[in-house]
Amino acid sequence: MLPAEDSPPPLTMPPSTLLIQSWFSKLNDFFHRDYVTDVVFYCFWLGFWLLMPTIIFLGTLALAVYDLVTVKGYRQPCGPVLITGCDMGFGKDLALALAGKGWKVSTL
């Protein structure tokens, strides 16, 4: 072991570096406490389950309004339509209505 007079001088840091290190150390200690992680976890899932239905509802509403405004209920024929079970009832009425609007209708 070296005698005390032969030991190197202690390393010193500027005071601003020590302040930053102590701030990060305190912040790290705060975020690694058990109750902080629990609060963050439960707040995340609470926010998720409260906001997602609202976002989905508003998105669906926006798409419906966009469809009503742009299309205005008039769909143009875009290709052939295959309708099964059209010998009577709803299928027959649908096939006749679409054929009357210019759609190419194939029936089974």
N, C-alpha and C. Protein backbone atom coordinates (compact mmCIF):
# COMPACT_ATOMS: atom_id res chain seq x y z
N MET A 1 0.83 -1.17 0.00
CA MET A 1 0.00 0.00 0.00
C MET A 1 0.88 1.24 0.00
N LEU A 2 0.43 2.26 -0.70
CA LEU A 2 1.22 3.48 -0.78
C LEU A 2 1.03 4.34 0.45
N PRO A 3 2.06 5.00 0.85
CA PRO A 3 1.90 5.94 1.96
C PRO A 3 1.02 7.11 1.52
N ALA A 4 0.45 7.81 2.46
CA ALA A 4 -0.49 8.89 2.18
C ALA A 4 0.15 10.01 1.38
N GLU A 5 1.44 10.30 1.60
CA GLU A 5 2.06 11.40 0.88
C GLU A 5 2.33 11.06 -0.58
N ASP A 6 2.36 9.75 -0.93
CA ASP A 6 2.62 9.36 -2.31
C ASP A 6 1.33 9.14 -3.11
N SER A 7 0.17 9.28 -2.53
CA SER A 7 -1.08 9.03 -3.25
C SER A 7 -1.37 10.18 -4.23
N PRO A 8 -1.99 9.84 -5.39
CA PRO A 8 -2.29 10.89 -6.38
C PRO A 8 -3.36 11.83 -5.85
N PRO A 9 -3.40 13.04 -6.39
CA PRO A 9 -4.43 13.98 -5.94
C PRO A 9 -5.82 13.49 -6.36
N PRO A 10 -6.86 13.78 -5.60
CA PRO A 10 -8.21 13.32 -5.97
C PRO A 10 -8.68 14.01 -7.25
N LEU A 11 -9.46 13.26 -8.02
CA LEU A 11 -10.02 13.83 -9.24
C LEU A 11 -11.16 14.77 -8.87
N THR A 12 -11.20 15.89 -9.53
CA THR A 12 -12.27 16.85 -9.26
C THR A 12 -13.02 17.13 -10.54
N MET A 13 -14.29 17.38 -10.41
CA MET A 13 -15.14 17.72 -11.55
C MET A 13 -15.66 19.13 -11.36
N PRO A 14 -15.98 19.76 -12.47
CA PRO A 14 -16.58 21.09 -12.33
C PRO A 14 -17.92 21.00 -11.60
N PRO A 15 -18.32 22.03 -10.88
CA PRO A 15 -19.57 21.97 -10.12
C PRO A 15 -20.80 21.74 -11.00
N SER A 16 -20.80 22.24 -12.23
CA SER A 16 -21.97 22.03 -13.10
C SER A 16 -22.15 20.56 -13.44
N THR A 17 -21.05 19.83 -13.63
CA THR A 17 -21.14 18.40 -13.92
C THR A 17 -21.68 17.64 -12.71
N LEU A 18 -21.24 18.01 -11.53
CA LEU A 18 -21.76 17.36 -10.32
C LEU A 18 -23.25 17.63 -10.15
N LEU A 19 -23.70 18.84 -10.48
CA LEU A 19 -25.11 19.18 -10.37
C LEU A 19 -25.95 18.34 -11.33
N ILE A 20 -25.46 18.19 -12.57
CA ILE A 20 -26.20 17.39 -13.57
C ILE A 20 -26.24 15.93 -13.13
N GLN A 21 -25.11 15.40 -12.64
CA GLN A 21 -25.09 14.01 -12.21
C GLN A 21 -26.03 13.78 -11.04
N SER A 22 -26.08 14.70 -10.10
CA SER A 22 -26.97 14.50 -8.96
C SER A 22 -28.43 14.61 -9.40
N TRP A 23 -28.73 15.49 -10.37
CA TRP A 23 -30.10 15.62 -10.88
C TRP A 23 -30.54 14.33 -11.57
N PHE A 24 -29.66 13.78 -12.43
CA PHE A 24 -29.99 12.52 -13.10
C PHE A 24 -30.12 11.39 -12.10
N SER A 25 -29.31 11.39 -11.09
CA SER A 25 -29.38 10.36 -10.07
C SER A 25 -30.71 10.42 -9.32
N LYS A 26 -31.13 11.63 -8.98
CA LYS A 26 -32.43 11.78 -8.29
C LYS A 26 -33.58 11.38 -9.20
N LEU A 27 -33.50 11.77 -10.46
CA LEU A 27 -34.56 11.41 -11.42
C LEU A 27 -34.62 9.90 -11.62
N ASN A 28 -33.46 9.27 -11.72
CA ASN A 28 -33.40 7.83 -11.87
C ASN A 28 -33.99 7.13 -10.65
N ASP A 29 -33.65 7.60 -9.47
CA ASP A 29 -34.20 7.01 -8.25
C ASP A 29 -35.72 7.16 -8.20
N PHE A 30 -36.22 8.31 -8.63
CA PHE A 30 -37.67 8.54 -8.61
C PHE A 30 -38.40 7.58 -9.54
N PHE A 31 -37.90 7.43 -10.77
CA PHE A 31 -38.60 6.60 -11.75
C PHE A 31 -38.46 5.11 -11.50
N HIS A 32 -37.52 4.72 -10.67
CA HIS A 32 -37.37 3.30 -10.39
C HIS A 32 -38.02 2.88 -9.07
N ARG A 33 -38.82 3.72 -8.51
CA ARG A 33 -39.61 3.32 -7.34
C ARG A 33 -40.81 2.52 -7.83
N ASP A 34 -41.26 1.59 -7.05
CA ASP A 34 -42.33 0.69 -7.47
C ASP A 34 -43.64 1.42 -7.73
N TYR A 35 -43.98 2.37 -6.90
CA TYR A 35 -45.28 3.02 -7.07
C TYR A 35 -45.32 3.88 -8.31
N VAL A 36 -44.21 4.43 -8.76
CA VAL A 36 -44.20 5.26 -9.97
C VAL A 36 -44.48 4.40 -11.19
N THR A 37 -43.83 3.25 -11.27
CA THR A 37 -44.07 2.37 -12.42
C THR A 37 -45.50 1.86 -12.42
N ASP A 38 -46.07 1.59 -11.25
CA ASP A 38 -47.46 1.15 -11.18
C ASP A 38 -48.41 2.24 -11.65
N VAL A 39 -48.18 3.47 -11.21
CA VAL A 39 -49.05 4.58 -11.62
C VAL A 39 -48.97 4.79 -13.12
N VAL A 40 -47.77 4.76 -13.68
CA VAL A 40 -47.61 4.94 -15.13
C VAL A 40 -48.31 3.82 -15.87
N PHE A 41 -48.16 2.59 -15.41
CA PHE A 41 -48.79 1.44 -16.06
C PHE A 41 -50.32 1.58 -16.09
N TYR A 42 -50.91 1.86 -14.93
CA TYR A 42 -52.36 1.93 -14.86
C TYR A 42 -52.91 3.17 -15.58
N CYS A 43 -52.19 4.27 -15.54
CA CYS A 43 -52.64 5.46 -16.28
C CYS A 43 -52.60 5.21 -17.78
N PHE A 44 -51.58 4.50 -18.26
CA PHE A 44 -51.51 4.19 -19.69
C PHE A 44 -52.72 3.37 -20.12
N TRP A 45 -53.01 2.29 -19.40
CA TRP A 45 -54.11 1.43 -19.82
C TRP A 45 -55.47 2.10 -19.61
N LEU A 46 -55.60 2.92 -18.59
CA LEU A 46 -56.84 3.66 -18.41
C LEU A 46 -57.06 4.62 -19.58
N GLY A 47 -56.03 5.34 -19.93
CA GLY A 47 -56.13 6.24 -21.08
C GLY A 47 -56.41 5.50 -22.37
N PHE A 48 -55.77 4.34 -22.53
CA PHE A 48 -56.00 3.54 -23.75
C PHE A 48 -57.46 3.13 -23.86
N TRP A 49 -58.01 2.57 -22.79
CA TRP A 49 -59.38 2.07 -22.86
C TRP A 49 -60.42 3.18 -22.87
N LEU A 50 -60.07 4.37 -22.41
CA LEU A 50 -60.99 5.49 -22.50
C LEU A 50 -60.93 6.18 -23.85
N LEU A 51 -59.75 6.25 -24.43
CA LEU A 51 -59.59 6.99 -25.68
C LEU A 51 -59.86 6.15 -26.93
N MET A 52 -59.51 4.88 -26.93
CA MET A 52 -59.66 4.09 -28.14
C MET A 52 -61.10 3.97 -28.62
N PRO A 53 -62.09 3.70 -27.77
CA PRO A 53 -63.46 3.67 -28.29
C PRO A 53 -63.88 5.02 -28.88
N THR A 54 -63.43 6.09 -28.28
CA THR A 54 -63.77 7.42 -28.80
C THR A 54 -63.12 7.63 -30.16
N ILE A 55 -61.85 7.26 -30.29
CA ILE A 55 -61.16 7.43 -31.57
C ILE A 55 -61.79 6.55 -32.65
N ILE A 56 -62.13 5.32 -32.31
CA ILE A 56 -62.77 4.43 -33.29
C ILE A 56 -64.13 4.97 -33.70
N PHE A 57 -64.91 5.44 -32.74
CA PHE A 57 -66.23 5.99 -33.05
C PHE A 57 -66.12 7.22 -33.95
N LEU A 58 -65.22 8.13 -33.60
CA LEU A 58 -65.08 9.35 -34.40
C LEU A 58 -64.52 9.04 -35.79
N GLY A 59 -63.64 8.07 -35.89
CA GLY A 59 -63.14 7.67 -37.21
C GLY A 59 -64.21 7.07 -38.07
N THR A 60 -65.05 6.21 -37.48
CA THR A 60 -66.15 5.62 -38.23
C THR A 60 -67.16 6.69 -38.65
N LEU A 61 -67.44 7.61 -37.75
CA LEU A 61 -68.35 8.71 -38.08
C LEU A 61 -67.79 9.58 -39.20
N ALA A 62 -66.50 9.86 -39.16
CA ALA A 62 -65.88 10.66 -40.22
C ALA A 62 -65.95 9.95 -41.56
N LEU A 63 -65.70 8.64 -41.57
CA LEU A 63 -65.80 7.90 -42.83
C LEU A 63 -67.23 7.88 -43.35
N ALA A 64 -68.21 7.75 -42.48
CA ALA A 64 -69.61 7.75 -42.91
C ALA A 64 -70.00 9.10 -43.49
N VAL A 65 -69.59 10.17 -42.82
CA VAL A 65 -69.90 11.51 -43.34
C VAL A 65 -69.20 11.74 -44.66
N TYR A 66 -67.95 11.32 -44.77
CA TYR A 66 -67.22 11.46 -46.03
C TYR A 66 -67.92 10.70 -47.15
N ASP A 67 -68.39 9.50 -46.85
CA ASP A 67 -69.10 8.71 -47.85
C ASP A 67 -70.40 9.38 -48.26
N LEU A 68 -71.13 9.94 -47.31
CA LEU A 68 -72.38 10.62 -47.65
C LEU A 68 -72.15 11.89 -48.47
N VAL A 69 -71.10 12.62 -48.13
CA VAL A 69 -70.84 13.89 -48.82
C VAL A 69 -70.30 13.65 -50.22
N THR A 70 -69.38 12.72 -50.38
CA THR A 70 -68.75 12.54 -51.69
C THR A 70 -69.58 11.70 -52.64
N VAL A 71 -70.20 10.65 -52.17
CA VAL A 71 -70.92 9.73 -53.05
C VAL A 71 -72.37 10.18 -53.24
N LYS A 72 -72.95 10.72 -52.21
CA LYS A 72 -74.34 11.19 -52.23
C LYS A 72 -75.32 10.09 -52.64
N GLY A 73 -74.99 8.84 -52.32
CA GLY A 73 -75.91 7.75 -52.56
C GLY A 73 -75.93 7.21 -53.98
N TYR A 74 -75.14 7.77 -54.89
CA TYR A 74 -75.13 7.31 -56.27
C TYR A 74 -73.87 6.50 -56.54
N ARG A 75 -74.01 5.22 -56.55
CA ARG A 75 -72.88 4.33 -56.84
C ARG A 75 -72.88 3.99 -58.32
N GLN A 76 -71.72 4.10 -58.92
CA GLN A 76 -71.59 3.74 -60.33
C GLN A 76 -71.21 2.26 -60.44
N PRO A 77 -71.68 1.58 -61.47
CA PRO A 77 -71.28 0.18 -61.65
C PRO A 77 -69.76 0.07 -61.80
N CYS A 78 -69.16 -0.85 -61.07
CA CYS A 78 -67.71 -0.97 -61.14
C CYS A 78 -67.26 -2.36 -61.57
N GLY A 79 -68.16 -3.26 -61.82
CA GLY A 79 -67.78 -4.60 -62.25
C GLY A 79 -68.95 -5.55 -62.10
N PRO A 80 -68.74 -6.79 -62.47
CA PRO A 80 -69.83 -7.76 -62.36
C PRO A 80 -70.15 -8.10 -60.91
N VAL A 81 -71.40 -8.45 -60.68
CA VAL A 81 -71.89 -8.81 -59.35
C VAL A 81 -72.44 -10.23 -59.42
N LEU A 82 -72.02 -11.07 -58.48
CA LEU A 82 -72.53 -12.44 -58.39
C LEU A 82 -73.51 -12.51 -57.24
N ILE A 83 -74.73 -12.89 -57.53
CA ILE A 83 -75.76 -12.99 -56.51
C ILE A 83 -76.24 -14.44 -56.47
N THR A 84 -76.19 -15.03 -55.28
CA THR A 84 -76.68 -16.40 -55.12
C THR A 84 -78.05 -16.36 -54.44
N GLY A 85 -78.85 -17.35 -54.70
CA GLY A 85 -80.17 -17.45 -54.07
C GLY A 85 -81.13 -16.38 -54.58
N CYS A 86 -81.13 -16.16 -55.88
CA CYS A 86 -81.96 -15.07 -56.39
C CYS A 86 -83.19 -15.59 -57.15
N ASP A 87 -83.63 -16.81 -56.84
CA ASP A 87 -84.83 -17.31 -57.51
C ASP A 87 -86.10 -16.69 -56.93
N MET A 88 -86.01 -16.15 -55.70
CA MET A 88 -87.16 -15.48 -55.12
C MET A 88 -86.70 -14.59 -53.96
N GLY A 89 -87.54 -13.71 -53.54
CA GLY A 89 -87.27 -12.89 -52.36
C GLY A 89 -86.28 -11.78 -52.59
N PHE A 90 -85.46 -11.55 -51.54
CA PHE A 90 -84.53 -10.43 -51.55
C PHE A 90 -83.50 -10.54 -52.68
N GLY A 91 -82.98 -11.74 -52.92
CA GLY A 91 -81.98 -11.93 -53.96
C GLY A 91 -82.51 -11.57 -55.33
N LYS A 92 -83.75 -11.96 -55.62
CA LYS A 92 -84.36 -11.64 -56.91
C LYS A 92 -84.56 -10.13 -57.04
N ASP A 93 -85.06 -9.50 -56.00
CA ASP A 93 -85.27 -8.06 -56.04
C ASP A 93 -83.95 -7.30 -56.21
N LEU A 94 -82.91 -7.76 -55.51
CA LEU A 94 -81.60 -7.12 -55.62
C LEU A 94 -81.04 -7.27 -57.03
N ALA A 95 -81.14 -8.47 -57.60
CA ALA A 95 -80.63 -8.71 -58.95
C ALA A 95 -81.35 -7.83 -59.96
N LEU A 96 -82.66 -7.73 -59.84
CA LEU A 96 -83.41 -6.88 -60.77
C LEU A 96 -83.10 -5.40 -60.59
N ALA A 97 -82.94 -4.96 -59.35
CA ALA A 97 -82.63 -3.55 -59.10
C ALA A 97 -81.25 -3.18 -59.63
N LEU A 98 -80.26 -4.03 -59.39
CA LEU A 98 -78.92 -3.73 -59.88
C LEU A 98 -78.84 -3.79 -61.39
N ALA A 99 -79.53 -4.76 -62.00
CA ALA A 99 -79.54 -4.84 -63.46
C ALA A 99 -80.22 -3.60 -64.04
N GLY A 100 -81.23 -3.10 -63.37
CA GLY A 100 -81.91 -1.89 -63.84
C GLY A 100 -81.03 -0.65 -63.75
N LYS A 101 -80.05 -0.66 -62.85
CA LYS A 101 -79.14 0.49 -62.71
C LYS A 101 -77.88 0.36 -63.56
N GLY A 102 -77.81 -0.70 -64.38
CA GLY A 102 -76.67 -0.83 -65.29
C GLY A 102 -75.56 -1.74 -64.83
N TRP A 103 -75.74 -2.44 -63.73
CA TRP A 103 -74.72 -3.36 -63.27
C TRP A 103 -74.78 -4.64 -64.07
N LYS A 104 -73.65 -5.31 -64.25
CA LYS A 104 -73.63 -6.63 -64.86
C LYS A 104 -73.88 -7.63 -63.75
N VAL A 105 -74.98 -8.36 -63.81
CA VAL A 105 -75.39 -9.26 -62.74
C VAL A 105 -75.30 -10.69 -63.21
N SER A 106 -74.59 -11.52 -62.44
CA SER A 106 -74.55 -12.96 -62.69
C SER A 106 -75.29 -13.61 -61.52
N THR A 107 -76.16 -14.55 -61.84
CA THR A 107 -76.97 -15.17 -60.79
C THR A 107 -76.72 -16.68 -60.76
N LEU A 108 -76.86 -17.22 -59.57
CA LEU A 108 -76.76 -18.68 -59.37
C LEU A 108 -78.04 -19.17 -58.77
